[in-house]
Amino acid sequence: MTKPDGSVRSESSVDQRLFLRPKGEVRVIPVQGNLGQYDRILVQVAHVADESRYALSTVDRTGLPSAQWTAIVRGGMFRLYTMATIPAGLYRATQPSGQLAINFGVLSRLALLNNEGQERLLGIEMGLMGLGLVPQSGDIQFPPTLAAVLGLGLRVPIGPGAAVGAQAWIAREFRGDITRRTSGAPNTDVVVPSSKWSFIFGPSISVGNVGFNL
């Protein structure tokens, strides 16, 4: 028995030796533990050479019959889960545009599953992000802000509960004014006109997969 992430469900492993007879009764072998959605079941049956019952050659024992079957526990078509996301750098495409360094947030993601319970690359994401947590050195100064985001994310698993990806979100920023460095020029307006709505995109690393299948 293996879980969808490939780890072994050791408590559900069964190893038994049986004597099969023609027209015998149906035998039921219970499996310990609770099976989950998309758990993989591997059944291997092999003939065991038993010298006490058969007169077998001590040299040539090749060709003993064996068989193998696999089955997957059925599950939902979608997975809805929560994860922590760390985009090292996001680009704000809406004017005034610029780089948002060091971001962190919590997202909910809805992704389509394939027949083996593996998440497909593209999913719908929404959540709360802290943006621009480190001030930039350019002329435009984006204040650190909390933003509600909604959009698409591309995720590639790199380990249990971890993934790298890229996303494109529409964000509603809860922030103060965006300002510019004036370098002492008295006639330069410090406040930069800007909308609280923006389009942002960039790469990220995500950790966590707490949720359920639908």
C-alpha atoms as a PDB file:
ATOM      1  CA  MET A   1       0.000   0.000   0.000  1.00  0.00           C
ATOM      2  CA  THR A   2       1.314   3.428  -0.922  1.00  0.00           C
ATOM      3  CA  LYS A   3      -0.129   6.895  -0.362  1.00  0.00           C
ATOM      4  CA  PRO A   4      -0.702   9.400  -3.193  1.00  0.00           C
ATOM      5  CA  ASP A   5       2.644  11.076  -2.396  1.00  0.00           C
ATOM      6  CA  GLY A   6       4.491   7.762  -2.908  1.00  0.00           C
ATOM      7  CA  SER A   7       5.209   7.008   0.762  1.00  0.00           C
ATOM      8  CA  VAL A   8       4.511   3.484   2.025  1.00  0.00           C
ATOM      9  CA  ARG A   9       1.490   2.817   4.241  1.00  0.00           C
ATOM     10  CA  SER A  10       3.301   0.217   6.332  1.00  0.00           C
ATOM     11  CA  GLU A  11       0.378  -0.533   8.669  1.00  0.00           C
ATOM     12  CA  SER A  12      -1.660  -1.770   5.686  1.00  0.00           C
ATOM     13  CA  SER A  13       0.890  -4.259   4.314  1.00  0.00           C
ATOM     14  CA  VAL A  14      -0.187  -7.920   4.300  1.00  0.00           C
ATOM     15  CA  ASP A  15       2.040 -10.953   3.604  1.00  0.00           C
ATOM     16  CA  GLN A  16       0.410 -14.400   3.798  1.00  0.00           C
ATOM     17  CA  ARG A  17       1.126 -17.907   2.522  1.00  0.00           C
ATOM     18  CA  LEU A  18      -1.950 -19.769   1.273  1.00  0.00           C
ATOM     19  CA  PHE A  19      -2.728 -23.292   0.088  1.00  0.00           C
ATOM     20  CA  LEU A  20      -5.105 -23.082  -2.873  1.00  0.00           C
ATOM     21  CA  ARG A  21      -7.456 -25.923  -3.755  1.00  0.00           C
ATOM     22  CA  PRO A  22      -9.826 -26.318  -6.728  1.00  0.00           C
ATOM     23  CA  LYS A  23     -13.365 -25.139  -5.977  1.00  0.00           C
ATOM     24  CA  GLY A  24     -12.350 -23.895  -2.572  1.00  0.00           C
ATOM     25  CA  GLU A  25     -14.198 -21.245  -0.590  1.00  0.00           C
ATOM     26  CA  VAL A  26     -13.714 -17.548  -1.248  1.00  0.00           C
ATOM     27  CA  ARG A  27     -11.110 -16.119   1.117  1.00  0.00           C
ATOM     28  CA  VAL A  28     -11.191 -12.567   2.424  1.00  0.00           C
ATOM     29  CA  ILE A  29      -7.899 -11.058   3.626  1.00  0.00           C
ATOM     30  CA  PRO A  30      -8.509  -7.958   5.788  1.00  0.00           C
ATOM     31  CA  VAL A  31      -6.205  -4.972   5.339  1.00  0.00           C
ATOM     32  CA  GLN A  32      -5.272  -3.042   8.472  1.00  0.00           C
ATOM     33  CA  GLY A  33      -5.487   0.732   8.624  1.00  0.00           C
ATOM     34  CA  ASN A  34      -7.797   3.184   6.911  1.00  0.00           C
ATOM     35  CA  LEU A  35      -7.453   3.595   3.170  1.00  0.00           C
ATOM     36  CA  GLY A  36      -7.474   7.133   1.811  1.00  0.00           C
ATOM     37  CA  GLN A  37      -8.449   8.560  -1.549  1.00  0.00           C
ATOM     38  CA  TYR A  38      -6.012   7.621  -4.320  1.00  0.00           C
ATOM     39  CA  ASP A  39      -4.117   5.121  -2.190  1.00  0.00           C
ATOM     40  CA  ARG A  40      -2.423   2.562  -4.475  1.00  0.00           C
ATOM     41  CA  ILE A  41      -2.923  -1.146  -3.794  1.00  0.00           C
ATOM     42  CA  LEU A  42      -0.317  -3.581  -5.117  1.00  0.00           C
ATOM     43  CA  VAL A  43      -1.152  -7.310  -5.072  1.00  0.00           C
ATOM     44  CA  GLN A  44       1.599  -9.822  -5.859  1.00  0.00           C
ATOM     45  CA  VAL A  45       0.942 -13.575  -6.029  1.00  0.00           C
ATOM     46  CA  ALA A  46       3.741 -16.088  -6.565  1.00  0.00           C
ATOM     47  CA  HIS A  47       4.045 -19.883  -6.411  1.00  0.00           C
ATOM     48  CA  VAL A  48       6.410 -20.899  -3.599  1.00  0.00           C
ATOM     49  CA  ALA A  49       8.488 -24.062  -4.071  1.00  0.00           C
ATOM     50  CA  ASP A  50       7.687 -26.420  -1.147  1.00  0.00           C
ATOM     51  CA  GLU A  51       9.874 -29.542  -1.124  1.00  0.00           C
ATOM     52  CA  SER A  52       7.581 -31.210   1.422  1.00  0.00           C
ATOM     53  CA  ARG A  53       4.718 -31.290  -1.101  1.00  0.00           C
ATOM     54  CA  TYR A  54       6.368 -31.418  -4.536  1.00  0.00           C
ATOM     55  CA  ALA A  55       9.193 -33.350  -6.109  1.00  0.00           C
ATOM     56  CA  LEU A  56      11.106 -30.453  -7.612  1.00  0.00           C
ATOM     57  CA  SER A  57      14.474 -30.251  -9.240  1.00  0.00           C
ATOM     58  CA  THR A  58      17.111 -28.831  -6.903  1.00  0.00           C
ATOM     59  CA  VAL A  59      18.810 -27.069  -9.826  1.00  0.00           C
ATOM     60  CA  ASP A  60      16.165 -25.746 -12.239  1.00  0.00           C
ATOM     61  CA  ARG A  61      13.369 -23.849 -10.520  1.00  0.00           C
ATOM     62  CA  THR A  62      12.793 -21.157 -13.126  1.00  0.00           C
ATOM     63  CA  GLY A  63       9.393 -20.450 -14.562  1.00  0.00           C
ATOM     64  CA  LEU A  64       7.369 -20.672 -11.344  1.00  0.00           C
ATOM     65  CA  PRO A  65       4.022 -18.919 -11.960  1.00  0.00           C
ATOM     66  CA  SER A  66       3.499 -15.417 -10.560  1.00  0.00           C
ATOM     67  CA  ALA A  67       1.129 -12.502 -11.160  1.00  0.00           C
ATOM     68  CA  GLN A  68       0.713  -8.890 -10.108  1.00  0.00           C
ATOM     69  CA  TRP A  69      -2.230  -6.472 -10.025  1.00  0.00           C
ATOM     70  CA  THR A  70      -2.586  -2.822  -9.064  1.00  0.00           C
ATOM     71  CA  ALA A  71      -5.630  -0.807  -8.063  1.00  0.00           C
ATOM     72  CA  ILE A  72      -6.213   2.805  -6.993  1.00  0.00           C
ATOM     73  CA  VAL A  73      -8.832   3.912  -4.477  1.00  0.00           C
ATOM     74  CA  ARG A  74     -11.179   6.335  -6.181  1.00  0.00           C
ATOM     75  CA  GLY A  75     -11.298   9.966  -5.062  1.00  0.00           C
ATOM     76  CA  GLY A  76     -12.525  13.429  -5.944  1.00  0.00           C
ATOM     77  CA  MET A  77     -11.852  15.414  -9.115  1.00  0.00           C
ATOM     78  CA  PHE A  78     -10.542  18.555  -7.383  1.00  0.00           C
ATOM     79  CA  ARG A  79      -8.376  19.373  -4.374  1.00  0.00           C
ATOM     80  CA  LEU A  80      -8.921  22.462  -2.246  1.00  0.00           C
ATOM     81  CA  TYR A  81      -6.113  23.207   0.186  1.00  0.00           C
ATOM     82  CA  THR A  82      -4.223  25.926   2.024  1.00  0.00           C
ATOM     83  CA  MET A  83      -0.514  26.675   1.730  1.00  0.00           C
ATOM     84  CA  ALA A  84       2.062  29.235   2.804  1.00  0.00           C
ATOM     85  CA  THR A  85       3.675  31.041  -0.127  1.00  0.00           C
ATOM     86  CA  ILE A  86       6.943  32.967  -0.278  1.00  0.00           C
ATOM     87  CA  PRO A  87       7.404  34.932  -3.520  1.00  0.00           C
ATOM     88  CA  ALA A  88      10.959  36.278  -3.348  1.00  0.00           C
ATOM     89  CA  GLY A  89      10.157  38.931  -5.927  1.00  0.00           C
ATOM     90  CA  LEU A  90       6.876  40.015  -7.509  1.00  0.00           C
ATOM     91  CA  TYR A  91       6.510  42.525 -10.326  1.00  0.00           C
ATOM     92  CA  ARG A  92       3.709  45.095 -10.147  1.00  0.00           C
ATOM     93  CA  ALA A  93       2.663  45.636 -13.748  1.00  0.00           C
ATOM     94  CA  THR A  94       0.076  48.326 -12.987  1.00  0.00           C
ATOM     95  CA  GLN A  95       1.372  51.905 -13.077  1.00  0.00           C
ATOM     96  CA  PRO A  96       3.389  52.846 -11.193  1.00  0.00           C
ATOM     97  CA  SER A  97       5.111  49.561 -11.946  1.00  0.00           C
ATOM     98  CA  GLY A  98       8.050  48.104 -10.087  1.00  0.00           C
ATOM     99  CA  GLN A  99       9.557  45.227  -8.142  1.00  0.00           C
ATOM    100  CA  LEU A 100       8.067  44.126  -4.806  1.00  0.00           C
ATOM    101  CA  ALA A 101      10.820  42.473  -2.772  1.00  0.00           C
ATOM    102  CA  ILE A 102      10.273  39.898  -0.008  1.00  0.00           C
ATOM    103  CA  ASN A 103       6.624  38.882   0.086  1.00  0.00           C
ATOM    104  CA  PHE A 104       4.784  36.349   2.213  1.00  0.00           C
ATOM    105  CA  GLY A 105       1.216  35.113   2.476  1.00  0.00           C
ATOM    106  CA  VAL A 106      -1.318  32.339   2.898  1.00  0.00           C
ATOM    107  CA  LEU A 107      -3.269  31.068  -0.109  1.00  0.00           C
ATOM    108  CA  SER A 108      -6.120  28.717  -0.831  1.00  0.00           C
ATOM    109  CA  ARG A 109      -5.722  26.748  -4.071  1.00  0.00           C
ATOM    110  CA  LEU A 110      -8.243  24.786  -6.134  1.00  0.00           C
ATOM    111  CA  ALA A 111      -6.592  22.338  -8.543  1.00  0.00           C
ATOM    112  CA  LEU A 112      -7.864  19.614 -10.845  1.00  0.00           C
ATOM    113  CA  LEU A 113      -6.644  16.062 -10.087  1.00  0.00           C
ATOM    114  CA  ASN A 114      -5.713  13.374 -12.604  1.00  0.00           C
ATOM    115  CA  ASN A 115      -6.767   9.706 -12.423  1.00  0.00           C
ATOM    116  CA  GLU A 116      -3.972   8.927  -9.942  1.00  0.00           C
ATOM    117  CA  GLY A 117      -4.789  11.776  -7.567  1.00  0.00           C
ATOM    118  CA  GLN A 118      -1.874  13.950  -8.675  1.00  0.00           C
ATOM    119  CA  GLU A 119      -2.468  17.672  -8.855  1.00  0.00           C
ATOM    120  CA  ARG A 120      -2.365  19.242 -12.295  1.00  0.00           C
ATOM    121  CA  LEU A 121      -0.007  22.168 -12.796  1.00  0.00           C
ATOM    122  CA  LEU A 122      -2.516  25.012 -13.154  1.00  0.00           C
ATOM    123  CA  GLY A 123      -4.881  26.037 -10.373  1.00  0.00           C
ATOM    124  CA  ILE A 124      -7.008  28.907  -9.084  1.00  0.00           C
ATOM    125  CA  GLU A 125      -5.525  30.739  -6.085  1.00  0.00           C
ATOM    126  CA  MET A 126      -6.807  33.317  -3.641  1.00  0.00           C
ATOM    127  CA  GLY A 127      -5.658  34.593  -0.280  1.00  0.00           C
ATOM    128  CA  LEU A 128      -3.837  37.300   1.641  1.00  0.00           C
ATOM    129  CA  MET A 129      -0.304  38.467   0.879  1.00  0.00           C
ATOM    130  CA  GLY A 130       2.111  40.809   2.560  1.00  0.00           C
ATOM    131  CA  LEU A 131       3.730  42.744  -0.295  1.00  0.00           C
ATOM    132  CA  GLY A 132       6.913  44.784  -0.478  1.00  0.00           C
ATOM    133  CA  LEU A 133       8.060  43.923   3.033  1.00  0.00           C
ATOM    134  CA  VAL A 134      11.550  45.291   2.267  1.00  0.00           C
ATOM    135  CA  PRO A 135      11.840  48.895   0.924  1.00  0.00           C
ATOM    136  CA  GLN A 136      13.235  49.315  -2.579  1.00  0.00           C
ATOM    137  CA  SER A 137      16.194  51.456  -3.594  1.00  0.00           C
ATOM    138  CA  GLY A 138      14.562  52.961  -6.703  1.00  0.00           C
ATOM    139  CA  ASP A 139      12.817  56.290  -7.119  1.00  0.00           C
ATOM    140  CA  ILE A 140       9.335  54.797  -6.598  1.00  0.00           C
ATOM    141  CA  GLN A 141       8.710  53.760  -2.993  1.00  0.00           C
ATOM    142  CA  PHE A 142       6.058  51.052  -2.508  1.00  0.00           C
ATOM    143  CA  PRO A 143       4.962  50.940   1.142  1.00  0.00           C
ATOM    144  CA  PRO A 144       4.694  47.508   2.814  1.00  0.00           C
ATOM    145  CA  THR A 145       1.072  46.468   2.501  1.00  0.00           C
ATOM    146  CA  LEU A 146      -1.447  43.690   2.971  1.00  0.00           C
ATOM    147  CA  ALA A 147      -3.290  42.664  -0.202  1.00  0.00           C
ATOM    148  CA  ALA A 148      -6.099  40.296  -1.117  1.00  0.00           C
ATOM    149  CA  VAL A 149      -5.122  38.379  -4.268  1.00  0.00           C
ATOM    150  CA  LEU A 150      -6.999  36.241  -6.791  1.00  0.00           C
ATOM    151  CA  GLY A 151      -5.661  34.598  -9.932  1.00  0.00           C
ATOM    152  CA  LEU A 152      -3.902  31.609 -11.469  1.00  0.00           C
ATOM    153  CA  GLY A 153      -0.877  29.730 -10.214  1.00  0.00           C
ATOM    154  CA  LEU A 154       1.428  27.181 -11.827  1.00  0.00           C
ATOM    155  CA  ARG A 155       2.893  24.740  -9.274  1.00  0.00           C
ATOM    156  CA  VAL A 156       5.499  21.978  -9.728  1.00  0.00           C
ATOM    157  CA  PRO A 157       5.981  19.633  -6.714  1.00  0.00           C
ATOM    158  CA  ILE A 158       9.548  19.282  -5.436  1.00  0.00           C
ATOM    159  CA  GLY A 159       8.807  17.148  -2.377  1.00  0.00           C
ATOM    160  CA  PRO A 160       6.067  16.211   0.105  1.00  0.00           C
ATOM    161  CA  GLY A 161       4.057  19.380   0.673  1.00  0.00           C
ATOM    162  CA  ALA A 162       6.498  21.656  -1.182  1.00  0.00           C
ATOM    163  CA  ALA A 163       6.379  23.170  -4.667  1.00  0.00           C
ATOM    164  CA  VAL A 164       7.895  25.855  -6.835  1.00  0.00           C
ATOM    165  CA  GLY A 165       5.801  27.848  -9.224  1.00  0.00           C
ATOM    166  CA  ALA A 166       4.755  31.071 -10.857  1.00  0.00           C
ATOM    167  CA  GLN A 167       1.569  33.033 -10.461  1.00  0.00           C
ATOM    168  CA  ALA A 168      -0.395  35.919 -11.914  1.00  0.00           C
ATOM    169  CA  TRP A 169      -2.791  37.655  -9.529  1.00  0.00           C
ATOM    170  CA  ILE A 170      -5.139  40.609  -9.407  1.00  0.00           C
ATOM    171  CA  ALA A 171      -4.555  42.314  -6.051  1.00  0.00           C
ATOM    172  CA  ARG A 172      -6.558  44.712  -3.908  1.00  0.00           C
ATOM    173  CA  GLU A 173      -3.983  46.600  -1.867  1.00  0.00           C
ATOM    174  CA  PHE A 174      -4.709  47.968   1.603  1.00  0.00           C
ATOM    175  CA  ARG A 175      -1.932  50.530   1.784  1.00  0.00           C
ATOM    176  CA  GLY A 176      -1.015  54.155   2.057  1.00  0.00           C
ATOM    177  CA  ASP A 177       0.269  56.361  -0.738  1.00  0.00           C
ATOM    178  CA  ILE A 178       3.013  55.340  -3.127  1.00  0.00           C
ATOM    179  CA  THR A 179       5.708  57.988  -3.021  1.00  0.00           C
ATOM    180  CA  ARG A 180       8.821  58.966  -4.960  1.00  0.00           C
ATOM    181  CA  ARG A 181      12.215  60.198  -3.938  1.00  0.00           C
ATOM    182  CA  THR A 182      12.495  63.878  -4.815  1.00  0.00           C
ATOM    183  CA  SER A 183      16.250  64.270  -4.175  1.00  0.00           C
ATOM    184  CA  GLY A 184      15.494  67.643  -2.628  1.00  0.00           C
ATOM    185  CA  ALA A 185      13.667  69.078  -5.687  1.00  0.00           C
ATOM    186  CA  PRO A 186      11.053  71.457  -4.192  1.00  0.00           C
ATOM    187  CA  ASN A 187       8.610  71.382  -7.142  1.00  0.00           C
ATOM    188  CA  THR A 188       8.338  67.598  -7.392  1.00  0.00           C
ATOM    189  CA  ASP A 189       5.110  66.003  -6.137  1.00  0.00           C
ATOM    190  CA  VAL A 190       5.979  63.355  -3.535  1.00  0.00           C
ATOM    191  CA  VAL A 191       2.741  61.341  -3.877  1.00  0.00           C
ATOM    192  CA  VAL A 192       2.467  59.182  -7.012  1.00  0.00           C
ATOM    193  CA  PRO A 193      -1.116  58.784  -8.354  1.00  0.00           C
ATOM    194  CA  SER A 194      -2.005  55.095  -8.199  1.00  0.00           C
ATOM    195  CA  SER A 195      -4.932  52.694  -7.979  1.00  0.00           C
ATOM    196  CA  LYS A 196      -5.456  50.331  -5.060  1.00  0.00           C
ATOM    197  CA  TRP A 197      -6.085  47.585  -7.679  1.00  0.00           C
ATOM    198  CA  SER A 198      -3.065  46.063  -9.408  1.00  0.00           C
ATOM    199  CA  PHE A 199      -1.858  43.140 -11.498  1.00  0.00           C
ATOM    200  CA  ILE A 200       1.180  41.326 -10.093  1.00  0.00           C
ATOM    201  CA  PHE A 201       3.120  38.241 -11.175  1.00  0.00           C
ATOM    202  CA  GLY A 202       6.320  36.360 -10.393  1.00  0.00           C
ATOM    203  CA  PRO A 203       7.879  33.118  -9.083  1.00  0.00           C
ATOM    204  CA  SER A 204       7.418  31.653  -5.614  1.00  0.00           C
ATOM    205  CA  ILE A 205       8.018  28.726  -3.275  1.00  0.00           C
ATOM    206  CA  SER A 206       5.037  27.204  -1.447  1.00  0.00           C
ATOM    207  CA  VAL A 207       4.897  24.905   1.572  1.00  0.00           C
ATOM    208  CA  GLY A 208       1.905  23.013   2.940  1.00  0.00           C
ATOM    209  CA  ASN A 209      -1.026  21.030   1.636  1.00  0.00           C
ATOM    210  CA  VAL A 210      -3.773  21.124   4.255  1.00  0.00           C
ATOM    211  CA  GLY A 211      -7.146  20.475   2.665  1.00  0.00           C
ATOM    212  CA  PHE A 212      -9.466  17.898   1.150  1.00  0.00           C
ATOM    213  CA  ASN A 213     -10.608  16.446  -2.177  1.00  0.00           C
ATOM    214  CA  LEU A 214     -13.908  17.438  -3.746  1.00  0.00           C
END
